[in-house]
Amino acid sequence: MNSWLTLCSIEDILPGSGLCALVDDRQIALFRPHDQHQVFALSNIDPFAQASVLSRGIIGEHQGELWVASPLKKQHFRLQDGLCMEDESRSIASYQVRVDQGKVQINTAQLAAQ
């Protein structure tokens, strides 16, 4: 059974940027690549630098896929699933999110399972 937790308003995330939300003890990076109400959620921890910085990364597109580049060491993580372009063994967690009536929500059942 899915249970959804509201994290913020879609308007809190400027198009082309990200922000960080704290859910229990996890830092979740939320990304809104365009003006549409499409949001992606990844772990905010850069596995190369062990720093909480990914929400401040630069969103880009490469080979038809949306990615975020870490602001520290510039590795690229695919927004859809957290795959690291440079080293798949360093891929990060991705989370199911949705926008419901202008509110960004995360699937708490998925969080509990990880």
C-alpha atoms as a PDB file:
ATOM      1  CA  MET A   1       0.000   0.000   0.000  1.00  0.00           C
ATOM      2  CA  ASN A   2       1.340   3.391  -0.988  1.00  0.00           C
ATOM      3  CA  SER A   3       1.379   6.217   1.519  1.00  0.00           C
ATOM      4  CA  TRP A   4       2.346   9.707   0.397  1.00  0.00           C
ATOM      5  CA  LEU A   5       4.041  12.423   2.456  1.00  0.00           C
ATOM      6  CA  THR A   6       3.868  16.043   1.301  1.00  0.00           C
ATOM      7  CA  LEU A   7       7.320  17.650   1.171  1.00  0.00           C
ATOM      8  CA  CYS A   8       6.679  21.064  -0.362  1.00  0.00           C
ATOM      9  CA  SER A   9       4.724  22.978  -2.962  1.00  0.00           C
ATOM     10  CA  ILE A  10       5.758  22.592  -6.605  1.00  0.00           C
ATOM     11  CA  GLU A  11       6.266  26.371  -6.597  1.00  0.00           C
ATOM     12  CA  ASP A  12       9.008  25.954  -3.957  1.00  0.00           C
ATOM     13  CA  ILE A  13      11.218  24.331  -6.609  1.00  0.00           C
ATOM     14  CA  LEU A  14      12.226  26.762  -9.328  1.00  0.00           C
ATOM     15  CA  PRO A  15      12.273  25.243 -12.827  1.00  0.00           C
ATOM     16  CA  GLY A  16      15.775  24.062 -13.701  1.00  0.00           C
ATOM     17  CA  SER A  17      16.832  23.648 -10.077  1.00  0.00           C
ATOM     18  CA  GLY A  18      16.675  21.426  -7.020  1.00  0.00           C
ATOM     19  CA  LEU A  19      16.198  21.621  -3.288  1.00  0.00           C
ATOM     20  CA  CYS A  20      16.769  19.338  -0.340  1.00  0.00           C
ATOM     21  CA  ALA A  21      14.085  17.890   1.935  1.00  0.00           C
ATOM     22  CA  LEU A  22      14.742  16.025   5.168  1.00  0.00           C
ATOM     23  CA  VAL A  23      12.543  12.931   5.548  1.00  0.00           C
ATOM     24  CA  ASP A  24      13.201  11.178   8.854  1.00  0.00           C
ATOM     25  CA  ASP A  25      17.003  10.944   8.751  1.00  0.00           C
ATOM     26  CA  ARG A  26      17.355  11.011   4.949  1.00  0.00           C
ATOM     27  CA  GLN A  27      18.275  13.956   2.803  1.00  0.00           C
ATOM     28  CA  ILE A  28      16.240  13.808  -0.388  1.00  0.00           C
ATOM     29  CA  ALA A  29      17.220  15.990  -3.369  1.00  0.00           C
ATOM     30  CA  LEU A  30      14.165  17.112  -5.347  1.00  0.00           C
ATOM     31  CA  PHE A  31      14.680  18.266  -8.935  1.00  0.00           C
ATOM     32  CA  ARG A  32      12.317  20.118 -11.264  1.00  0.00           C
ATOM     33  CA  PRO A  33      14.050  20.195 -14.650  1.00  0.00           C
ATOM     34  CA  HIS A  34      11.422  22.197 -16.556  1.00  0.00           C
ATOM     35  CA  ASP A  35       8.374  24.431 -16.092  1.00  0.00           C
ATOM     36  CA  GLN A  36       6.112  21.377 -16.045  1.00  0.00           C
ATOM     37  CA  HIS A  37       5.076  19.699 -12.827  1.00  0.00           C
ATOM     38  CA  GLN A  38       7.579  16.877 -13.257  1.00  0.00           C
ATOM     39  CA  VAL A  39       9.782  16.230 -10.218  1.00  0.00           C
ATOM     40  CA  PHE A  40      12.514  13.666  -9.555  1.00  0.00           C
ATOM     41  CA  ALA A  41      13.890  12.569  -6.175  1.00  0.00           C
ATOM     42  CA  LEU A  42      17.366  11.210  -5.449  1.00  0.00           C
ATOM     43  CA  SER A  43      19.587  10.830  -2.436  1.00  0.00           C
ATOM     44  CA  ASN A  44      21.257  14.167  -1.703  1.00  0.00           C
ATOM     45  CA  ILE A  45      24.560  12.496  -0.752  1.00  0.00           C
ATOM     46  CA  ASP A  46      27.326  12.604  -3.364  1.00  0.00           C
ATOM     47  CA  PRO A  47      28.943   9.153  -3.003  1.00  0.00           C
ATOM     48  CA  PHE A  48      32.288  10.392  -4.345  1.00  0.00           C
ATOM     49  CA  ALA A  49      32.687  13.298  -1.907  1.00  0.00           C
ATOM     50  CA  GLN A  50      30.462  11.942   0.912  1.00  0.00           C
ATOM     51  CA  ALA A  51      28.856  15.380   1.043  1.00  0.00           C
ATOM     52  CA  SER A  52      25.217  16.537   1.052  1.00  0.00           C
ATOM     53  CA  VAL A  53      25.342  18.587  -2.137  1.00  0.00           C
ATOM     54  CA  LEU A  54      23.475  17.016  -5.043  1.00  0.00           C
ATOM     55  CA  SER A  55      20.401  19.243  -4.667  1.00  0.00           C
ATOM     56  CA  ARG A  56      22.705  22.133  -5.662  1.00  0.00           C
ATOM     57  CA  GLY A  57      23.950  20.393  -8.789  1.00  0.00           C
ATOM     58  CA  ILE A  58      23.410  21.484 -12.361  1.00  0.00           C
ATOM     59  CA  ILE A  59      20.601  19.769 -14.275  1.00  0.00           C
ATOM     60  CA  GLY A  60      21.381  18.873 -17.865  1.00  0.00           C
ATOM     61  CA  GLU A  61      20.481  16.502 -20.647  1.00  0.00           C
ATOM     62  CA  HIS A  62      22.846  13.985 -22.216  1.00  0.00           C
ATOM     63  CA  GLN A  63      21.933  11.404 -24.852  1.00  0.00           C
ATOM     64  CA  GLY A  64      18.220  12.070 -24.284  1.00  0.00           C
ATOM     65  CA  GLU A  65      18.383  11.547 -20.504  1.00  0.00           C
ATOM     66  CA  LEU A  66      18.098  14.127 -17.710  1.00  0.00           C
ATOM     67  CA  TRP A  67      21.052  14.180 -15.302  1.00  0.00           C
ATOM     68  CA  VAL A  68      22.331  16.198 -12.385  1.00  0.00           C
ATOM     69  CA  ALA A  69      26.045  16.985 -12.146  1.00  0.00           C
ATOM     70  CA  SER A  70      27.512  17.048  -8.666  1.00  0.00           C
ATOM     71  CA  PRO A  71      28.732  20.541  -7.781  1.00  0.00           C
ATOM     72  CA  LEU A  72      31.909  19.074  -6.267  1.00  0.00           C
ATOM     73  CA  LYS A  73      33.449  16.427  -8.491  1.00  0.00           C
ATOM     74  CA  LYS A  74      31.072  16.810 -11.463  1.00  0.00           C
ATOM     75  CA  GLN A  75      29.915  13.184 -11.737  1.00  0.00           C
ATOM     76  CA  HIS A  76      26.543  12.811 -13.442  1.00  0.00           C
ATOM     77  CA  PHE A  77      23.557  11.030 -11.888  1.00  0.00           C
ATOM     78  CA  ARG A  78      20.497  10.171 -13.991  1.00  0.00           C
ATOM     79  CA  LEU A  79      17.392  11.805 -12.517  1.00  0.00           C
ATOM     80  CA  GLN A  80      15.147   8.887 -13.438  1.00  0.00           C
ATOM     81  CA  ASP A  81      16.960   6.274 -11.345  1.00  0.00           C
ATOM     82  CA  GLY A  82      20.184   7.653  -9.798  1.00  0.00           C
ATOM     83  CA  LEU A  83      22.517   5.797 -12.179  1.00  0.00           C
ATOM     84  CA  CYS A  84      26.017   7.281 -12.151  1.00  0.00           C
ATOM     85  CA  MET A  85      27.252   7.856 -15.691  1.00  0.00           C
ATOM     86  CA  GLU A  86      30.938   7.592 -14.746  1.00  0.00           C
ATOM     87  CA  ASP A  87      30.781   4.630 -12.329  1.00  0.00           C
ATOM     88  CA  GLU A  88      27.637   2.483 -12.004  1.00  0.00           C
ATOM     89  CA  SER A  89      28.919   1.067  -8.701  1.00  0.00           C
ATOM     90  CA  ARG A  90      28.453   4.577  -7.227  1.00  0.00           C
ATOM     91  CA  SER A  91      24.825   4.997  -8.314  1.00  0.00           C
ATOM     92  CA  ILE A  92      22.492   6.541  -5.734  1.00  0.00           C
ATOM     93  CA  ALA A  93      18.987   5.853  -4.452  1.00  0.00           C
ATOM     94  CA  SER A  94      16.026   7.251  -6.329  1.00  0.00           C
ATOM     95  CA  TYR A  95      12.576   7.719  -4.845  1.00  0.00           C
ATOM     96  CA  GLN A  96       9.055   7.709  -6.215  1.00  0.00           C
ATOM     97  CA  VAL A  97       7.532  11.192  -6.142  1.00  0.00           C
ATOM     98  CA  ARG A  98       4.424  12.774  -7.563  1.00  0.00           C
ATOM     99  CA  VAL A  99       2.787  16.177  -7.750  1.00  0.00           C
ATOM    100  CA  ASP A 100      -0.766  16.128  -6.415  1.00  0.00           C
ATOM    101  CA  GLN A 101      -2.788  19.346  -6.433  1.00  0.00           C
ATOM    102  CA  GLY A 102       0.410  21.393  -6.543  1.00  0.00           C
ATOM    103  CA  LYS A 103       2.089  19.505  -3.675  1.00  0.00           C
ATOM    104  CA  VAL A 104       5.244  17.412  -4.123  1.00  0.00           C
ATOM    105  CA  GLN A 105       4.821  14.078  -2.363  1.00  0.00           C
ATOM    106  CA  ILE A 106       7.138  11.117  -1.754  1.00  0.00           C
ATOM    107  CA  ASN A 107       6.122   7.475  -1.431  1.00  0.00           C
ATOM    108  CA  THR A 108       6.802   6.616   2.218  1.00  0.00           C
ATOM    109  CA  ALA A 109       6.258   2.893   1.627  1.00  0.00           C
ATOM    110  CA  GLN A 110       9.266   2.907  -0.676  1.00  0.00           C
ATOM    111  CA  LEU A 111      11.322   4.790   1.925  1.00  0.00           C
ATOM    112  CA  ALA A 112      10.462   2.213   4.578  1.00  0.00           C
ATOM    113  CA  ALA A 113      11.523  -0.616   2.273  1.00  0.00           C
ATOM    114  CA  GLN A 114      15.016   0.813   1.672  1.00  0.00           C
END
